């Protein structure tokens, strides 16, 4: 893949080092800081549809940890990912709270998970071709590392949102999120919540990069032809909800619904992540 960051990618010294199999640390030490060219800055402004005030924060947002790990003076986008995740959650939560005034907290949580989930963030990065701007280590370039990785793409989208927030404020970040994320969904897609609570809970956990929930029978009561089942749903060893039903399937659905309705579910997810 051809990167836009040609001032790093095509440096003659780098090419020599890679061609002759020099150690990656030796190669990276010759680049003290990530520095985008004027052309790259203009391309990035066009891509993001905004005027950049401080390019350095965007350079950081687009610097992969592989490069920063080999260069002590470079800073990766990991801290910006953390901030971008919080900014994105706030913007989307505010939108949903105002737009869907009759929806309970559990349904709003599921709606938010759809808007801020990994799949959505990956699509945004792909549409904007953010991977073309990213700064990666020589070793990753040399080995033709797959920049279409979902983790890399979702992380860089969050980092860019943070950079916009820092550089231009919450209004600019909100405009970016509305244009590229919220307006990408139709009203029908947003409100099409069915009664498959197990599916909803799985979407919610996956949006936080957590494993799928596990359902365990906690109790069986009654005769073989007329049993009542009590089922618990767990994320790792954390109990998220308990449900009962005349069948294991119904009990699982009720347990998932209780988990979604749990007012402390965000706290539980953060504790587990």
Protein backbone atom coordinates (compact mmCIF):
# COMPACT_ATOMS: atom_id res chain seq x y z
CA UNK A 1 0.00 0.00 0.00
CA UNK A 2 1.30 3.43 -0.92
CA UNK A 3 1.31 5.76 2.05
CA UNK A 4 0.76 9.48 1.73
CA UNK A 5 3.50 10.09 4.30
CA UNK A 6 6.17 10.14 1.61
CA UNK A 7 8.59 12.30 3.59
CA UNK A 8 9.10 9.30 5.87
CA UNK A 9 8.31 6.44 3.51
CA UNK A 10 10.65 7.51 0.72
CA UNK A 11 13.57 8.86 2.65
CA UNK A 12 16.72 7.74 0.83
CA UNK A 13 18.48 6.74 4.02
CA UNK A 14 15.53 4.67 5.13
CA UNK A 15 15.38 2.91 1.79
CA UNK A 16 19.05 2.05 2.06
CA UNK A 17 18.67 0.73 5.60
CA UNK A 18 15.65 -1.41 4.77
CA UNK A 19 17.19 -2.73 1.57
CA UNK A 20 20.29 -3.80 3.46
CA UNK A 21 18.37 -5.30 6.40
CA UNK A 22 19.67 -2.93 9.07
CA UNK A 23 18.07 -3.13 12.46
CA UNK A 24 14.78 -1.28 12.72
CA UNK A 25 15.94 0.73 15.75
CA UNK A 26 18.88 2.04 13.75
CA UNK A 27 16.58 3.11 10.95
CA UNK A 28 14.04 4.82 13.21
CA UNK A 29 16.65 6.78 15.16
CA UNK A 30 17.27 8.97 12.12
CA UNK A 31 13.71 10.35 12.28
CA UNK A 32 13.41 12.39 15.45
CA UNK A 33 9.84 13.58 15.00
CA UNK A 34 6.87 12.93 12.77
CA UNK A 35 6.51 15.90 10.44
CA UNK A 36 3.84 16.16 7.75
CA UNK A 37 4.62 18.09 4.59
CA UNK A 38 2.49 21.07 3.53
CA UNK A 39 0.96 18.87 0.86
CA UNK A 40 0.00 16.23 3.41
CA UNK A 41 -1.51 18.87 5.68
CA UNK A 42 -3.67 20.16 2.84
CA UNK A 43 -4.72 16.62 1.93
CA UNK A 44 -5.66 15.89 5.52
CA UNK A 45 -7.64 19.15 5.83
CA UNK A 46 -9.53 18.23 2.67
CA UNK A 47 -10.17 14.72 3.95
CA UNK A 48 -11.47 15.92 7.31
CA UNK A 49 -13.19 18.99 5.85
CA UNK A 50 -11.72 21.40 8.38
CA UNK A 51 -8.93 23.93 8.84
CA UNK A 52 -6.17 22.55 11.05
CA UNK A 53 -4.66 24.98 13.55
CA UNK A 54 -2.05 22.75 15.17
CA UNK A 55 -0.83 19.99 12.85
CA UNK A 56 1.24 18.32 15.59
CA UNK A 57 -1.83 16.94 17.38
CA UNK A 58 -2.95 15.32 14.12
CA UNK A 59 0.52 13.94 13.53
CA UNK A 60 0.27 12.29 16.92
CA UNK A 61 -3.24 11.00 16.15
CA UNK A 62 -1.87 9.28 13.06
CA UNK A 63 1.28 7.83 14.65
CA UNK A 64 1.01 4.11 15.30
CA UNK A 65 2.49 2.68 18.48
CA UNK A 66 4.94 0.61 16.41
CA UNK A 67 6.73 3.77 15.29
CA UNK A 68 6.59 5.47 18.70
CA UNK A 69 7.87 2.31 20.34
CA UNK A 70 11.03 2.48 18.28
CA UNK A 71 11.50 6.24 18.63
CA UNK A 72 11.54 7.81 22.10
CA UNK A 73 10.77 11.29 20.77
CA UNK A 74 7.62 10.23 18.91
CA UNK A 75 4.26 9.92 20.67
CA UNK A 76 1.70 7.31 19.61
CA UNK A 77 -2.02 7.90 19.24
CA UNK A 78 -2.99 5.66 22.17
CA UNK A 79 -3.79 8.47 24.62
CA UNK A 80 -5.80 10.25 21.95
CA UNK A 81 -7.76 7.05 21.34
CA UNK A 82 -8.80 7.16 25.01
CA UNK A 83 -9.98 10.75 24.76
CA UNK A 84 -11.63 10.24 21.38
CA UNK A 85 -13.64 7.32 22.73
CA UNK A 86 -15.01 9.54 25.52
CA UNK A 87 -15.75 12.48 23.19
CA UNK A 88 -17.53 10.20 20.73
CA UNK A 89 -19.61 8.60 23.49
CA UNK A 90 -20.64 12.04 24.78
CA UNK A 91 -21.66 13.39 21.36
CA UNK A 92 -23.64 10.30 20.43
CA UNK A 93 -25.25 10.01 23.88
CA UNK A 94 -26.37 13.64 23.73
CA UNK A 95 -27.83 13.10 20.24
CA UNK A 96 -29.77 10.00 21.29
CA UNK A 97 -30.97 11.53 24.57
CA UNK A 98 -32.49 14.51 22.75
CA UNK A 99 -33.83 12.67 19.69
CA UNK A 100 -35.40 9.65 21.41
CA UNK A 101 -37.01 11.09 24.52
CA UNK A 102 -39.32 8.11 25.04
CA UNK A 103 -36.63 5.42 24.90
CA UNK A 104 -35.45 3.78 28.15
CA UNK A 105 -31.79 3.79 29.13
CA UNK A 106 -31.22 0.21 28.01
CA UNK A 107 -32.42 0.84 24.46
CA UNK A 108 -30.40 4.05 24.24
CA UNK A 109 -27.33 2.08 25.27
CA UNK A 110 -27.90 -0.41 22.45
CA UNK A 111 -28.44 2.40 19.94
CA UNK A 112 -25.22 4.05 21.06
CA UNK A 113 -23.31 0.81 20.71
CA UNK A 114 -24.41 0.64 17.07
CA UNK A 115 -23.21 4.16 16.37
CA UNK A 116 -19.86 3.94 18.14
CA UNK A 117 -19.09 0.25 17.54
CA UNK A 118 -15.89 -0.99 15.95
CA UNK A 119 -17.58 -1.81 12.63
CA UNK A 120 -18.82 1.76 12.30
CA UNK A 121 -15.44 3.28 13.14
CA UNK A 122 -13.69 0.99 10.66
CA UNK A 123 -16.05 2.07 7.88
CA UNK A 124 -15.34 5.74 8.65
CA UNK A 125 -11.57 5.19 8.52
CA UNK A 126 -11.89 3.30 5.25
CA UNK A 127 -14.12 5.97 3.70
CA UNK A 128 -11.69 8.73 4.67
CA UNK A 129 -8.65 6.54 3.88
CA UNK A 130 -7.04 7.47 7.18
CA UNK A 131 -4.64 4.54 6.89
CA UNK A 132 -2.91 6.38 4.02
CA UNK A 133 -1.87 9.12 6.45
CA UNK A 134 -0.63 6.86 9.21
CA UNK A 135 2.97 6.73 10.37
CA UNK A 136 4.17 3.20 11.07
CA UNK A 137 7.50 1.62 11.86
CA UNK A 138 10.00 0.67 9.18
CA UNK A 139 9.57 -2.96 10.14
CA UNK A 140 5.83 -2.84 9.48
CA UNK A 141 6.41 -1.11 6.16
CA UNK A 142 9.11 -3.58 5.22
CA UNK A 143 6.85 -6.54 6.00
CA UNK A 144 3.88 -4.98 4.20
CA UNK A 145 1.82 -4.94 7.37
CA UNK A 146 -1.94 -5.06 6.76
CA UNK A 147 -3.15 -1.54 7.53
CA UNK A 148 -6.75 -2.66 7.08
CA UNK A 149 -6.73 -4.21 10.55
CA UNK A 150 -9.99 -3.39 12.32
CA UNK A 151 -8.22 -2.49 15.55
CA UNK A 152 -5.88 -0.04 13.83
CA UNK A 153 -8.67 1.59 11.83
CA UNK A 154 -11.12 1.95 14.71
CA UNK A 155 -8.38 3.31 16.98
CA UNK A 156 -7.20 5.92 14.47
CA UNK A 157 -10.79 7.14 13.98
CA UNK A 158 -11.11 7.74 17.72
CA UNK A 159 -7.71 9.46 17.81
CA UNK A 160 -8.73 11.79 14.97
CA UNK A 161 -11.94 12.73 16.81
CA UNK A 162 -9.82 13.61 19.85
CA UNK A 163 -7.44 15.67 17.72
CA UNK A 164 -10.34 17.64 16.24
CA UNK A 165 -11.73 18.21 19.73
CA UNK A 166 -8.39 19.49 21.06
CA UNK A 167 -7.61 21.58 17.99
CA UNK A 168 -11.01 23.12 17.25
CA UNK A 169 -13.33 22.35 20.16
CA UNK A 170 -16.46 20.32 20.82
CA UNK A 171 -18.50 21.99 18.04
CA UNK A 172 -16.04 20.92 15.35
CA UNK A 173 -15.84 17.41 16.81
CA UNK A 174 -19.65 17.27 16.88
CA UNK A 175 -19.87 18.34 13.24
CA UNK A 176 -17.39 15.64 12.26
CA UNK A 177 -19.28 12.95 14.19
CA UNK A 178 -22.66 14.00 12.83
CA UNK A 179 -21.44 14.15 9.24
CA UNK A 180 -19.43 10.94 9.21
CA UNK A 181 -21.20 8.74 11.76
CA UNK A 182 -24.68 9.79 12.85
CA UNK A 183 -25.93 10.87 9.41
CA UNK A 184 -24.54 7.64 7.94
CA UNK A 185 -27.45 5.84 9.63
CA UNK A 186 -31.06 6.27 8.59
CA UNK A 187 -33.74 6.69 11.25
CA UNK A 188 -35.05 3.25 10.33
CA UNK A 189 -31.65 1.67 10.91
CA UNK A 190 -31.29 3.38 14.27
CA UNK A 191 -34.68 2.51 15.75
CA UNK A 192 -35.01 -1.00 14.35
CA UNK A 193 -34.57 -2.62 17.74
CA UNK A 194 -36.17 -6.05 17.76
CA UNK A 195 -36.86 -8.33 20.69
CA UNK A 196 -33.67 -10.36 20.27
CA UNK A 197 -32.06 -9.16 23.47
CA UNK A 198 -29.26 -11.72 23.19
CA UNK A 199 -28.23 -10.16 19.87
CA UNK A 200 -28.46 -6.65 21.36
CA UNK A 201 -26.29 -7.58 24.32
CA UNK A 202 -23.71 -9.23 22.07
CA UNK A 203 -23.57 -6.07 19.90
CA UNK A 204 -23.11 -3.99 23.03
CA UNK A 205 -20.21 -6.09 24.31
CA UNK A 206 -18.55 -6.28 20.92
CA UNK A 207 -18.69 -2.48 20.63
CA UNK A 208 -16.46 -2.43 23.71
CA UNK A 209 -14.13 -5.08 22.22
CA UNK A 210 -15.29 -7.57 24.84
CA UNK A 211 -15.92 -11.29 24.28
CA UNK A 212 -19.39 -12.65 23.60
CA UNK A 213 -21.54 -13.21 26.70
CA UNK A 214 -21.83 -16.66 28.24
CA UNK A 215 -25.17 -18.03 29.49
CA UNK A 216 -25.26 -20.48 32.40
CA UNK A 217 -28.22 -22.29 33.95
CA UNK A 218 -28.35 -21.31 37.61
CA UNK A 219 -31.42 -23.31 38.60
CA UNK A 220 -34.01 -25.77 37.22
CA UNK A 221 -37.27 -26.23 39.14
CA UNK A 222 -40.31 -28.41 38.45
CA UNK A 223 -41.30 -31.57 36.65
CA UNK A 224 -39.66 -32.52 33.36
CA UNK A 225 -42.71 -31.38 31.35
CA UNK A 226 -43.17 -28.13 33.26
CA UNK A 227 -39.79 -26.72 34.29
CA UNK A 228 -38.80 -23.20 35.20
CA UNK A 229 -35.29 -22.19 34.24
CA UNK A 230 -33.14 -19.51 35.84
CA UNK A 231 -30.23 -18.37 33.68
CA UNK A 232 -27.39 -15.95 34.34
CA UNK A 233 -25.50 -14.11 31.63
CA UNK A 234 -21.81 -13.45 32.26
CA UNK A 235 -19.04 -11.37 30.73
CA UNK A 236 -15.93 -13.23 31.86
CA UNK A 237 -16.76 -13.79 35.53
CA UNK A 238 -19.02 -10.75 35.89
CA UNK A 239 -22.74 -11.46 36.24
CA UNK A 240 -24.61 -9.00 34.04
CA UNK A 241 -28.18 -10.20 34.45
CA UNK A 242 -30.49 -13.02 35.56
CA UNK A 243 -33.65 -14.19 33.82
CA UNK A 244 -36.28 -16.90 34.23
CA UNK A 245 -38.48 -18.70 31.72
CA UNK A 246 -40.30 -21.88 30.81
CA UNK A 247 -37.47 -22.77 28.44
CA UNK A 248 -33.74 -22.18 28.46
CA UNK A 249 -34.13 -20.01 25.36
CA UNK A 250 -36.69 -17.72 27.00
CA UNK A 251 -34.67 -17.53 30.20
CA UNK A 252 -31.58 -16.51 28.22
CA UNK A 253 -33.51 -13.77 26.41
CA UNK A 254 -34.84 -12.46 29.72
CA UNK A 255 -31.37 -12.54 31.26
CA UNK A 256 -29.98 -10.55 28.33
CA UNK A 257 -32.83 -8.03 28.66
CA UNK A 258 -32.08 -7.57 32.35
CA UNK A 259 -28.40 -7.07 31.56
CA UNK A 260 -29.24 -4.34 29.05
CA UNK A 261 -31.63 -2.67 31.48
CA UNK A 262 -29.04 -2.73 34.25
CA UNK A 263 -28.35 0.89 35.16
CA UNK A 264 -24.73 0.06 36.01
CA UNK A 265 -23.95 -1.77 32.78
CA UNK A 266 -21.51 0.92 31.59
CA UNK A 267 -19.66 0.63 34.89
CA UNK A 268 -19.58 -3.15 34.58
CA UNK A 269 -18.22 -2.94 31.04
CA UNK A 270 -15.52 -0.45 32.01
CA UNK A 271 -14.50 -2.65 34.93
CA UNK A 272 -14.19 -5.65 32.65
CA UNK A 273 -12.28 -3.86 29.87
